[in-house]
């Protein structure tokens, strides 16, 4: 399924947006390189995903999401928040 900004779904759940990826990196204070290492991707892949130049496979988004989840980040879909749409937060 195509990377559709802030909407859509991949096989097991919601699809994370590039905005959520940047926000999650900000929560953790991670550079693109640190995310690439944690997700076992290249820095260029992360850069291209974040700027919208790469239409990532669901498997790429899944490893990015898992890297963040292992570090306490939860992704919120548009049904989890009141005005404002999808977002991220730390797990309690």
N, C-alpha and C. Protein backbone atom coordinates (compact mmCIF):
# COMPACT_ATOMS: atom_id res chain seq x y z
N UNK A 1 0.85 -1.19 0.00
CA UNK A 1 0.00 0.00 0.00
C UNK A 1 0.89 1.24 0.00
N UNK A 2 0.52 2.24 -0.68
CA UNK A 2 1.31 3.47 -0.81
C UNK A 2 1.37 4.25 0.49
N UNK A 3 2.45 4.96 0.65
CA UNK A 3 2.64 5.84 1.79
C UNK A 3 1.76 7.05 1.54
N UNK A 4 0.70 7.17 2.32
CA UNK A 4 -0.33 8.15 2.00
C UNK A 4 -0.38 9.28 3.00
N UNK A 5 0.74 9.82 3.35
CA UNK A 5 0.74 10.92 4.32
C UNK A 5 0.28 10.45 5.67
N UNK A 6 -0.92 10.85 6.09
CA UNK A 6 -1.37 10.51 7.42
C UNK A 6 -2.55 9.55 7.43
N UNK A 7 -2.87 8.94 6.30
CA UNK A 7 -4.02 8.05 6.25
C UNK A 7 -3.61 6.73 5.64
N UNK A 8 -4.43 5.70 5.85
CA UNK A 8 -4.20 4.41 5.25
C UNK A 8 -3.84 3.38 6.29
N UNK A 9 -3.59 2.16 5.83
CA UNK A 9 -3.24 1.09 6.75
C UNK A 9 -2.33 0.10 6.05
N UNK A 10 -1.47 -0.56 6.83
CA UNK A 10 -0.73 -1.69 6.30
C UNK A 10 -1.22 -2.92 7.04
N UNK A 11 -0.75 -4.06 6.66
CA UNK A 11 -1.36 -5.33 7.04
C UNK A 11 -1.78 -5.44 8.51
N UNK A 12 -0.94 -5.10 9.46
CA UNK A 12 -1.27 -5.32 10.86
C UNK A 12 -1.85 -4.11 11.57
N UNK A 13 -1.85 -2.96 10.94
CA UNK A 13 -2.35 -1.78 11.65
C UNK A 13 -2.28 -0.54 10.80
N UNK A 14 -2.22 0.59 11.49
CA UNK A 14 -2.19 1.86 10.77
C UNK A 14 -0.84 2.08 10.11
N UNK A 15 -0.82 2.96 9.15
CA UNK A 15 0.44 3.34 8.53
C UNK A 15 0.91 4.62 9.18
N UNK A 16 2.18 4.68 9.51
CA UNK A 16 2.69 5.89 10.14
C UNK A 16 3.10 6.89 9.06
N UNK A 17 2.92 8.14 9.36
CA UNK A 17 3.24 9.19 8.40
C UNK A 17 4.66 9.69 8.60
N UNK A 18 5.16 10.37 7.59
CA UNK A 18 6.50 10.95 7.74
C UNK A 18 6.53 12.00 8.83
N UNK A 19 5.40 12.69 9.03
CA UNK A 19 5.33 13.67 10.11
C UNK A 19 5.44 12.97 11.47
N UNK A 20 4.80 11.81 11.60
CA UNK A 20 4.90 11.06 12.85
C UNK A 20 6.31 10.53 13.05
N UNK A 21 6.97 10.14 12.00
CA UNK A 21 8.35 9.67 12.11
C UNK A 21 9.24 10.80 12.63
N UNK A 22 9.11 11.99 12.03
CA UNK A 22 9.91 13.13 12.50
C UNK A 22 9.58 13.48 13.95
N UNK A 23 8.28 13.45 14.30
CA UNK A 23 7.87 13.77 15.67
C UNK A 23 8.42 12.75 16.66
N UNK A 24 8.37 11.49 16.28
CA UNK A 24 8.88 10.44 17.16
C UNK A 24 10.39 10.58 17.35
N UNK A 25 11.10 10.92 16.28
CA UNK A 25 12.54 11.17 16.42
C UNK A 25 12.78 12.32 17.38
N UNK A 26 11.94 13.36 17.27
CA UNK A 26 12.06 14.51 18.15
C UNK A 26 11.83 14.14 19.61
N UNK A 27 10.82 13.30 19.87
CA UNK A 27 10.56 12.86 21.24
C UNK A 27 11.77 12.16 21.86
N UNK A 28 12.43 11.36 21.04
CA UNK A 28 13.59 10.61 21.53
C UNK A 28 14.90 11.37 21.39
N UNK A 29 14.86 12.48 20.66
CA UNK A 29 16.10 13.22 20.41
C UNK A 29 17.04 12.48 19.48
N UNK A 30 16.48 11.68 18.59
CA UNK A 30 17.26 10.88 17.66
C UNK A 30 17.54 11.63 16.37
N UNK A 31 18.71 11.40 15.84
CA UNK A 31 19.05 11.87 14.49
C UNK A 31 18.49 10.85 13.48
N UNK A 32 18.54 11.21 12.22
CA UNK A 32 18.13 10.27 11.20
C UNK A 32 19.03 9.04 11.21
N UNK A 33 20.29 9.24 11.51
CA UNK A 33 21.24 8.13 11.59
C UNK A 33 20.91 7.17 12.73
N UNK A 34 20.51 7.72 13.86
CA UNK A 34 20.15 6.87 14.99
C UNK A 34 18.91 6.04 14.68
N UNK A 35 17.93 6.65 14.01
CA UNK A 35 16.75 5.89 13.60
C UNK A 35 17.15 4.82 12.59
N UNK A 36 17.97 5.17 11.63
CA UNK A 36 18.41 4.20 10.63
C UNK A 36 19.06 2.99 11.30
N UNK A 37 19.93 3.24 12.27
CA UNK A 37 20.59 2.14 12.99
C UNK A 37 19.57 1.29 13.74
N UNK A 38 18.64 1.93 14.43
CA UNK A 38 17.65 1.21 15.23
C UNK A 38 16.72 0.38 14.35
N UNK A 39 16.41 0.87 13.15
CA UNK A 39 15.48 0.20 12.26
C UNK A 39 16.19 -0.69 11.22
N UNK A 40 17.52 -0.69 11.24
CA UNK A 40 18.31 -1.48 10.28
C UNK A 40 18.03 -1.05 8.85
N UNK A 41 17.94 0.26 8.66
CA UNK A 41 17.79 0.86 7.34
C UNK A 41 18.96 1.78 7.11
N UNK A 42 19.05 2.36 5.92
CA UNK A 42 20.12 3.32 5.66
C UNK A 42 19.64 4.74 5.99
N UNK A 43 20.60 5.60 6.23
CA UNK A 43 20.27 7.01 6.49
C UNK A 43 19.56 7.60 5.27
N UNK A 44 20.00 7.25 4.08
CA UNK A 44 19.35 7.77 2.87
C UNK A 44 17.90 7.31 2.78
N UNK A 45 17.60 6.09 3.19
CA UNK A 45 16.21 5.64 3.18
C UNK A 45 15.37 6.49 4.14
N UNK A 46 15.89 6.73 5.33
CA UNK A 46 15.16 7.55 6.31
C UNK A 46 14.96 8.96 5.78
N UNK A 47 16.02 9.56 5.26
CA UNK A 47 15.92 10.92 4.70
C UNK A 47 14.87 10.99 3.61
N UNK A 48 14.90 10.01 2.70
CA UNK A 48 13.96 10.02 1.57
C UNK A 48 12.53 9.77 2.02
N UNK A 49 12.33 8.93 3.01
CA UNK A 49 10.98 8.71 3.55
C UNK A 49 10.47 10.00 4.16
N UNK A 50 11.29 10.64 4.99
CA UNK A 50 10.85 11.85 5.69
C UNK A 50 10.55 13.01 4.76
N UNK A 51 11.25 13.10 3.65
CA UNK A 51 10.99 14.22 2.74
C UNK A 51 10.00 13.86 1.64
N UNK A 52 9.48 12.62 1.67
CA UNK A 52 8.48 12.21 0.70
C UNK A 52 9.02 11.80 -0.65
N UNK A 53 10.32 11.57 -0.75
CA UNK A 53 10.93 11.19 -2.01
C UNK A 53 10.93 9.68 -2.22
N UNK A 54 10.56 8.92 -1.19
CA UNK A 54 10.52 7.47 -1.27
C UNK A 54 9.17 6.99 -0.80
N UNK A 55 8.57 6.12 -1.57
CA UNK A 55 7.30 5.48 -1.20
C UNK A 55 7.68 4.15 -0.54
N UNK A 56 7.80 4.15 0.79
CA UNK A 56 8.34 2.96 1.47
C UNK A 56 7.37 1.80 1.47
N UNK A 57 7.94 0.60 1.47
CA UNK A 57 7.14 -0.61 1.62
C UNK A 57 6.60 -0.66 3.04
N UNK A 58 5.52 -1.38 3.22
CA UNK A 58 4.94 -1.55 4.55
C UNK A 58 5.95 -2.15 5.51
N UNK A 59 6.80 -3.03 5.01
CA UNK A 59 7.80 -3.66 5.89
C UNK A 59 8.80 -2.63 6.42
N UNK A 60 9.13 -1.62 5.63
CA UNK A 60 10.04 -0.56 6.09
C UNK A 60 9.37 0.25 7.20
N UNK A 61 8.11 0.60 6.99
CA UNK A 61 7.39 1.37 8.01
C UNK A 61 7.21 0.55 9.28
N UNK A 62 7.02 -0.75 9.12
CA UNK A 62 6.86 -1.62 10.28
C UNK A 62 8.13 -1.67 11.12
N UNK A 63 9.31 -1.73 10.49
CA UNK A 63 10.55 -1.77 11.28
C UNK A 63 10.84 -0.42 11.92
N UNK A 64 10.47 0.66 11.25
CA UNK A 64 10.61 1.99 11.85
C UNK A 64 9.71 2.11 13.07
N UNK A 65 8.45 1.72 12.89
CA UNK A 65 7.50 1.78 14.01
C UNK A 65 7.97 0.92 15.17
N UNK A 66 8.46 -0.27 14.89
CA UNK A 66 8.92 -1.17 15.96
C UNK A 66 10.13 -0.58 16.69
N UNK A 67 11.04 0.04 15.95
CA UNK A 67 12.20 0.67 16.59
C UNK A 67 11.74 1.74 17.58
N UNK A 68 10.76 2.52 17.19
CA UNK A 68 10.23 3.54 18.10
C UNK A 68 9.49 2.91 19.27
N UNK A 69 8.67 1.92 19.00
CA UNK A 69 7.89 1.27 20.07
C UNK A 69 8.81 0.66 21.13
N UNK A 70 9.92 0.08 20.69
CA UNK A 70 10.87 -0.51 21.63
C UNK A 70 11.51 0.55 22.52
N UNK A 71 11.38 1.80 22.13
CA UNK A 71 11.94 2.91 22.89
C UNK A 71 10.87 3.79 23.51
N UNK A 72 9.65 3.25 23.65
CA UNK A 72 8.60 3.91 24.40
C UNK A 72 7.70 4.87 23.64
N UNK A 73 7.75 4.88 22.32
CA UNK A 73 6.91 5.78 21.53
C UNK A 73 5.67 5.03 21.07
N UNK A 74 4.52 5.66 21.21
CA UNK A 74 3.26 5.12 20.73
C UNK A 74 2.74 6.03 19.63
N UNK A 75 2.23 5.42 18.57
CA UNK A 75 1.66 6.17 17.46
C UNK A 75 0.16 6.21 17.60
N UNK A 76 -0.40 7.40 17.47
CA UNK A 76 -1.84 7.61 17.59
C UNK A 76 -2.43 7.78 16.19
N UNK A 77 -3.52 7.08 15.93
CA UNK A 77 -4.18 7.31 14.65
C UNK A 77 -5.23 8.39 14.82
N UNK A 78 -5.89 8.74 13.75
CA UNK A 78 -6.81 9.88 13.82
C UNK A 78 -8.00 9.63 14.74
N UNK A 79 -8.28 8.38 15.08
CA UNK A 79 -9.37 8.08 16.00
C UNK A 79 -8.94 8.15 17.47
N UNK A 80 -7.63 8.23 17.72
CA UNK A 80 -7.11 8.27 19.08
C UNK A 80 -7.01 9.66 19.66
N UNK A 81 -7.19 10.67 18.84
CA UNK A 81 -7.02 12.04 19.30
C UNK A 81 -8.23 12.88 18.92
N UNK A 82 -8.44 13.88 19.67
CA UNK A 82 -9.46 14.87 19.29
C UNK A 82 -8.72 15.93 18.48
N UNK A 83 -9.35 16.88 17.92
CA UNK A 83 -8.77 17.67 16.84
C UNK A 83 -7.24 17.64 16.77
N UNK A 84 -6.75 17.53 15.59
CA UNK A 84 -5.32 17.55 15.37
C UNK A 84 -4.83 16.38 14.56
N UNK A 85 -5.58 15.30 14.51
CA UNK A 85 -5.18 14.16 13.70
C UNK A 85 -4.15 13.27 14.36
N UNK A 86 -3.48 12.45 13.56
CA UNK A 86 -2.51 11.48 14.07
C UNK A 86 -1.38 12.16 14.81
N UNK A 87 -0.78 11.44 15.73
CA UNK A 87 0.33 11.98 16.48
C UNK A 87 1.17 10.89 17.11
N UNK A 88 2.01 11.28 18.05
CA UNK A 88 2.87 10.36 18.79
C UNK A 88 2.89 10.79 20.25
N UNK A 89 3.22 9.82 21.12
CA UNK A 89 3.41 10.15 22.52
C UNK A 89 4.27 9.08 23.14
N UNK A 90 4.78 9.36 24.35
CA UNK A 90 5.54 8.35 25.09
C UNK A 90 4.57 7.39 25.75
N UNK A 91 4.97 6.13 25.81
CA UNK A 91 4.17 5.14 26.51
C UNK A 91 4.30 5.36 28.00
N UNK A 92 3.20 5.18 28.72
CA UNK A 92 3.23 5.35 30.17
C UNK A 92 3.62 4.09 30.85
